Amino acid sequence: MSGAEKRREQRRRASGTVRIRFGNPRPQEVAGDLVDVSESGFRMAHAFPSLEAGQVVEFSHLEARGRARVMWNRIVEQRVETGFFVVS
């Protein structure tokens, strides 16, 4: 069942810039491209491979802003894709 759909929410394609901020005591900011959004999360493509599952970041994009938890990362054709779950 590796190809079975496990998503609980409808996702729709989206575009625009996403900015995430994290880190203490050394704050960092990463910019990337919004790929898709759902009611409770979003996916972005970027070039920063060091995000970790479980990490909480502040985010902003054209459709929302707040805090989100990193759920997963994967490398796709020389870029990183990260899925986020919005926590507030």
N, C-alpha and C. Protein backbone atom coordinates (compact mmCIF):
# COMPACT_ATOMS: atom_id res chain seq x y z
N MET A 1 0.81 -1.20 0.00
CA MET A 1 0.00 0.00 0.00
C MET A 1 0.85 1.26 0.00
N SER A 2 2.06 1.20 -0.46
CA SER A 2 2.92 2.37 -0.44
C SER A 2 2.38 3.48 -1.34
N GLY A 3 1.59 3.16 -2.35
CA GLY A 3 1.06 4.17 -3.24
C GLY A 3 -0.31 4.66 -2.83
N ALA A 4 -0.86 4.16 -1.74
CA ALA A 4 -2.19 4.56 -1.31
C ALA A 4 -2.19 6.00 -0.82
N GLU A 5 -3.26 6.71 -1.12
CA GLU A 5 -3.42 8.09 -0.67
C GLU A 5 -3.69 8.12 0.82
N LYS A 6 -2.88 8.86 1.57
CA LYS A 6 -3.02 8.94 3.02
C LYS A 6 -3.47 10.32 3.47
N ARG A 7 -3.68 11.21 2.56
CA ARG A 7 -4.07 12.57 2.91
C ARG A 7 -5.50 12.60 3.41
N ARG A 8 -5.72 13.39 4.46
CA ARG A 8 -7.05 13.52 5.04
C ARG A 8 -7.78 14.74 4.54
N GLU A 9 -7.05 15.69 3.99
CA GLU A 9 -7.63 16.94 3.53
C GLU A 9 -7.31 17.18 2.07
N GLN A 10 -8.20 17.85 1.40
CA GLN A 10 -7.99 18.26 0.01
C GLN A 10 -6.84 19.27 -0.05
N ARG A 11 -5.95 19.09 -0.98
CA ARG A 11 -4.89 20.07 -1.19
C ARG A 11 -5.12 20.73 -2.53
N ARG A 12 -4.71 21.99 -2.60
CA ARG A 12 -4.82 22.69 -3.87
C ARG A 12 -3.49 23.38 -4.16
N ARG A 13 -3.17 23.44 -5.43
CA ARG A 13 -1.91 24.07 -5.85
C ARG A 13 -1.94 25.54 -5.44
N ALA A 14 -0.78 26.04 -5.12
CA ALA A 14 -0.64 27.44 -4.73
C ALA A 14 0.72 27.92 -5.20
N SER A 15 0.90 29.23 -5.17
CA SER A 15 2.19 29.78 -5.59
C SER A 15 2.49 31.02 -4.77
N GLY A 16 3.69 31.50 -4.91
CA GLY A 16 4.13 32.67 -4.17
C GLY A 16 5.29 32.32 -3.27
N THR A 17 5.78 33.32 -2.58
CA THR A 17 6.92 33.15 -1.69
C THR A 17 6.45 32.78 -0.29
N VAL A 18 7.17 31.86 0.33
CA VAL A 18 6.97 31.52 1.74
C VAL A 18 8.24 31.94 2.48
N ARG A 19 8.07 32.54 3.64
CA ARG A 19 9.21 32.84 4.51
C ARG A 19 8.98 32.14 5.83
N ILE A 20 10.00 31.40 6.27
CA ILE A 20 9.93 30.78 7.59
C ILE A 20 11.07 31.32 8.43
N ARG A 21 10.80 31.45 9.74
CA ARG A 21 11.79 31.95 10.69
C ARG A 21 11.85 30.99 11.87
N PHE A 22 13.06 30.74 12.35
CA PHE A 22 13.24 29.82 13.46
C PHE A 22 14.60 30.07 14.08
N GLY A 23 14.85 29.43 15.20
CA GLY A 23 16.18 29.47 15.81
C GLY A 23 16.26 30.37 17.01
N ASN A 24 16.92 29.83 18.00
CA ASN A 24 17.19 30.59 19.21
C ASN A 24 18.41 29.94 19.85
N PRO A 25 19.48 30.56 20.00
CA PRO A 25 19.64 32.01 20.07
C PRO A 25 19.99 32.66 18.74
N ARG A 26 20.25 31.89 17.69
CA ARG A 26 20.62 32.48 16.39
C ARG A 26 19.46 32.35 15.42
N PRO A 27 18.66 33.40 15.28
CA PRO A 27 17.52 33.33 14.36
C PRO A 27 17.96 33.15 12.91
N GLN A 28 17.20 32.37 12.17
CA GLN A 28 17.44 32.17 10.75
C GLN A 28 16.14 32.39 10.00
N GLU A 29 16.26 32.79 8.74
CA GLU A 29 15.09 32.92 7.88
C GLU A 29 15.39 32.20 6.57
N VAL A 30 14.40 31.46 6.10
CA VAL A 30 14.51 30.72 4.85
C VAL A 30 13.35 31.15 3.96
N ALA A 31 13.62 31.44 2.71
CA ALA A 31 12.57 31.77 1.74
C ALA A 31 12.47 30.63 0.75
N GLY A 32 11.26 30.38 0.29
CA GLY A 32 11.04 29.33 -0.70
C GLY A 32 9.75 29.58 -1.45
N ASP A 33 9.34 28.59 -2.23
CA ASP A 33 8.14 28.70 -3.06
C ASP A 33 7.02 27.86 -2.49
N LEU A 34 5.84 28.44 -2.39
CA LEU A 34 4.65 27.72 -1.96
C LEU A 34 4.25 26.75 -3.07
N VAL A 35 4.01 25.49 -2.71
CA VAL A 35 3.65 24.46 -3.69
C VAL A 35 2.16 24.15 -3.62
N ASP A 36 1.67 23.86 -2.41
CA ASP A 36 0.24 23.62 -2.23
C ASP A 36 -0.17 23.94 -0.80
N VAL A 37 -1.48 24.06 -0.58
CA VAL A 37 -2.03 24.36 0.74
C VAL A 37 -3.24 23.47 0.99
N SER A 38 -3.52 23.26 2.28
CA SER A 38 -4.74 22.56 2.71
C SER A 38 -5.32 23.35 3.87
N GLU A 39 -6.38 22.87 4.43
CA GLU A 39 -7.00 23.58 5.55
C GLU A 39 -6.06 23.71 6.74
N SER A 40 -5.19 22.71 6.95
CA SER A 40 -4.34 22.74 8.14
C SER A 40 -2.84 22.72 7.85
N GLY A 41 -2.44 22.94 6.61
CA GLY A 41 -1.02 22.90 6.35
C GLY A 41 -0.64 23.42 4.98
N PHE A 42 0.63 23.27 4.65
CA PHE A 42 1.13 23.70 3.35
C PHE A 42 2.44 22.98 3.05
N ARG A 43 2.83 23.04 1.80
CA ARG A 43 4.11 22.47 1.36
C ARG A 43 4.88 23.58 0.66
N MET A 44 6.18 23.62 0.94
CA MET A 44 7.04 24.59 0.27
C MET A 44 8.27 23.90 -0.31
N ALA A 45 8.82 24.49 -1.36
CA ALA A 45 10.08 24.04 -1.95
C ALA A 45 11.13 25.10 -1.65
N HIS A 46 12.34 24.65 -1.29
CA HIS A 46 13.39 25.58 -0.88
C HIS A 46 14.74 24.90 -1.02
N ALA A 47 15.79 25.55 -0.54
CA ALA A 47 17.15 25.01 -0.68
C ALA A 47 17.84 24.81 0.66
N PHE A 48 17.08 24.63 1.75
CA PHE A 48 17.65 24.51 3.09
C PHE A 48 17.38 23.10 3.62
N PRO A 49 18.34 22.18 3.55
CA PRO A 49 18.09 20.78 3.90
C PRO A 49 18.11 20.47 5.40
N SER A 50 18.33 21.47 6.26
CA SER A 50 18.52 21.19 7.68
C SER A 50 17.27 21.32 8.55
N LEU A 51 16.10 21.55 7.97
CA LEU A 51 14.88 21.55 8.80
C LEU A 51 14.65 20.14 9.32
N GLU A 52 14.15 20.02 10.55
CA GLU A 52 13.95 18.72 11.17
C GLU A 52 12.48 18.49 11.48
N ALA A 53 12.00 17.27 11.26
CA ALA A 53 10.62 16.92 11.62
C ALA A 53 10.41 17.24 13.09
N GLY A 54 9.29 17.89 13.39
CA GLY A 54 8.97 18.28 14.75
C GLY A 54 9.34 19.71 15.08
N GLN A 55 10.21 20.30 14.30
CA GLN A 55 10.65 21.67 14.52
C GLN A 55 9.48 22.63 14.29
N VAL A 56 9.33 23.63 15.14
CA VAL A 56 8.27 24.63 14.99
C VAL A 56 8.89 25.91 14.47
N VAL A 57 8.25 26.49 13.45
CA VAL A 57 8.73 27.70 12.80
C VAL A 57 7.61 28.73 12.74
N GLU A 58 7.97 29.98 12.55
CA GLU A 58 7.01 31.02 12.21
C GLU A 58 7.01 31.10 10.69
N PHE A 59 5.84 31.31 10.08
CA PHE A 59 5.77 31.36 8.63
C PHE A 59 4.87 32.49 8.17
N SER A 60 5.07 32.87 6.91
CA SER A 60 4.14 33.79 6.25
C SER A 60 4.18 33.51 4.76
N HIS A 61 2.99 33.51 4.17
CA HIS A 61 2.83 33.46 2.72
C HIS A 61 1.55 34.21 2.39
N LEU A 62 1.21 34.34 1.13
CA LEU A 62 0.08 35.17 0.73
C LEU A 62 -1.25 34.74 1.35
N GLU A 63 -1.38 33.47 1.69
CA GLU A 63 -2.67 32.97 2.16
C GLU A 63 -2.79 32.87 3.67
N ALA A 64 -1.67 32.88 4.39
CA ALA A 64 -1.73 32.73 5.85
C ALA A 64 -0.40 33.11 6.48
N ARG A 65 -0.43 33.24 7.79
CA ARG A 65 0.78 33.44 8.58
C ARG A 65 0.51 32.86 9.95
N GLY A 66 1.57 32.48 10.65
CA GLY A 66 1.43 31.91 11.98
C GLY A 66 2.60 31.03 12.34
N ARG A 67 2.30 29.97 13.08
CA ARG A 67 3.33 29.00 13.47
C ARG A 67 2.96 27.65 12.87
N ALA A 68 3.99 26.88 12.49
CA ALA A 68 3.76 25.57 11.89
C ALA A 68 4.85 24.60 12.31
N ARG A 69 4.49 23.32 12.34
CA ARG A 69 5.42 22.25 12.68
C ARG A 69 5.87 21.54 11.40
N VAL A 70 7.18 21.31 11.29
CA VAL A 70 7.72 20.54 10.16
C VAL A 70 7.26 19.09 10.33
N MET A 71 6.59 18.56 9.31
CA MET A 71 6.11 17.18 9.36
C MET A 71 7.02 16.22 8.60
N TRP A 72 7.56 16.68 7.48
CA TRP A 72 8.43 15.82 6.67
C TRP A 72 9.26 16.68 5.73
N ASN A 73 10.35 16.10 5.23
CA ASN A 73 11.22 16.69 4.21
C ASN A 73 11.52 15.64 3.17
N ARG A 74 11.72 16.07 1.95
CA ARG A 74 12.23 15.16 0.91
C ARG A 74 12.99 15.98 -0.11
N ILE A 75 13.97 15.32 -0.73
CA ILE A 75 14.78 15.96 -1.76
C ILE A 75 14.17 15.58 -3.10
N VAL A 76 13.88 16.61 -3.91
CA VAL A 76 13.29 16.39 -5.23
C VAL A 76 14.04 17.26 -6.23
N GLU A 77 14.79 16.62 -7.12
CA GLU A 77 15.49 17.32 -8.20
C GLU A 77 16.23 18.57 -7.72
N GLN A 78 17.21 18.41 -6.89
CA GLN A 78 18.09 19.49 -6.44
C GLN A 78 17.41 20.51 -5.54
N ARG A 79 16.24 20.20 -5.02
CA ARG A 79 15.61 21.11 -4.06
C ARG A 79 15.00 20.29 -2.94
N VAL A 80 14.64 20.97 -1.88
CA VAL A 80 14.02 20.34 -0.72
C VAL A 80 12.55 20.70 -0.71
N GLU A 81 11.67 19.73 -0.46
CA GLU A 81 10.27 20.00 -0.22
C GLU A 81 9.98 19.66 1.24
N THR A 82 9.22 20.53 1.89
CA THR A 82 8.87 20.33 3.30
C THR A 82 7.37 20.51 3.46
N GLY A 83 6.77 19.58 4.21
CA GLY A 83 5.37 19.68 4.55
C GLY A 83 5.21 20.20 5.97
N PHE A 84 4.30 21.14 6.15
CA PHE A 84 4.07 21.79 7.44
C PHE A 84 2.64 21.60 7.91
N PHE A 85 2.45 21.48 9.21
CA PHE A 85 1.14 21.45 9.87
C PHE A 85 1.01 22.75 10.65
N VAL A 86 0.00 23.54 10.37
CA VAL A 86 -0.18 24.82 11.04
C VAL A 86 -0.66 24.59 12.47
N VAL A 87 0.06 25.17 13.45
CA VAL A 87 -0.30 24.99 14.86
C VAL A 87 -0.93 26.23 15.45
N SER A 88 -0.79 27.39 14.84
CA SER A 88 -1.50 28.61 15.30
C SER A 88 -1.36 29.70 14.28
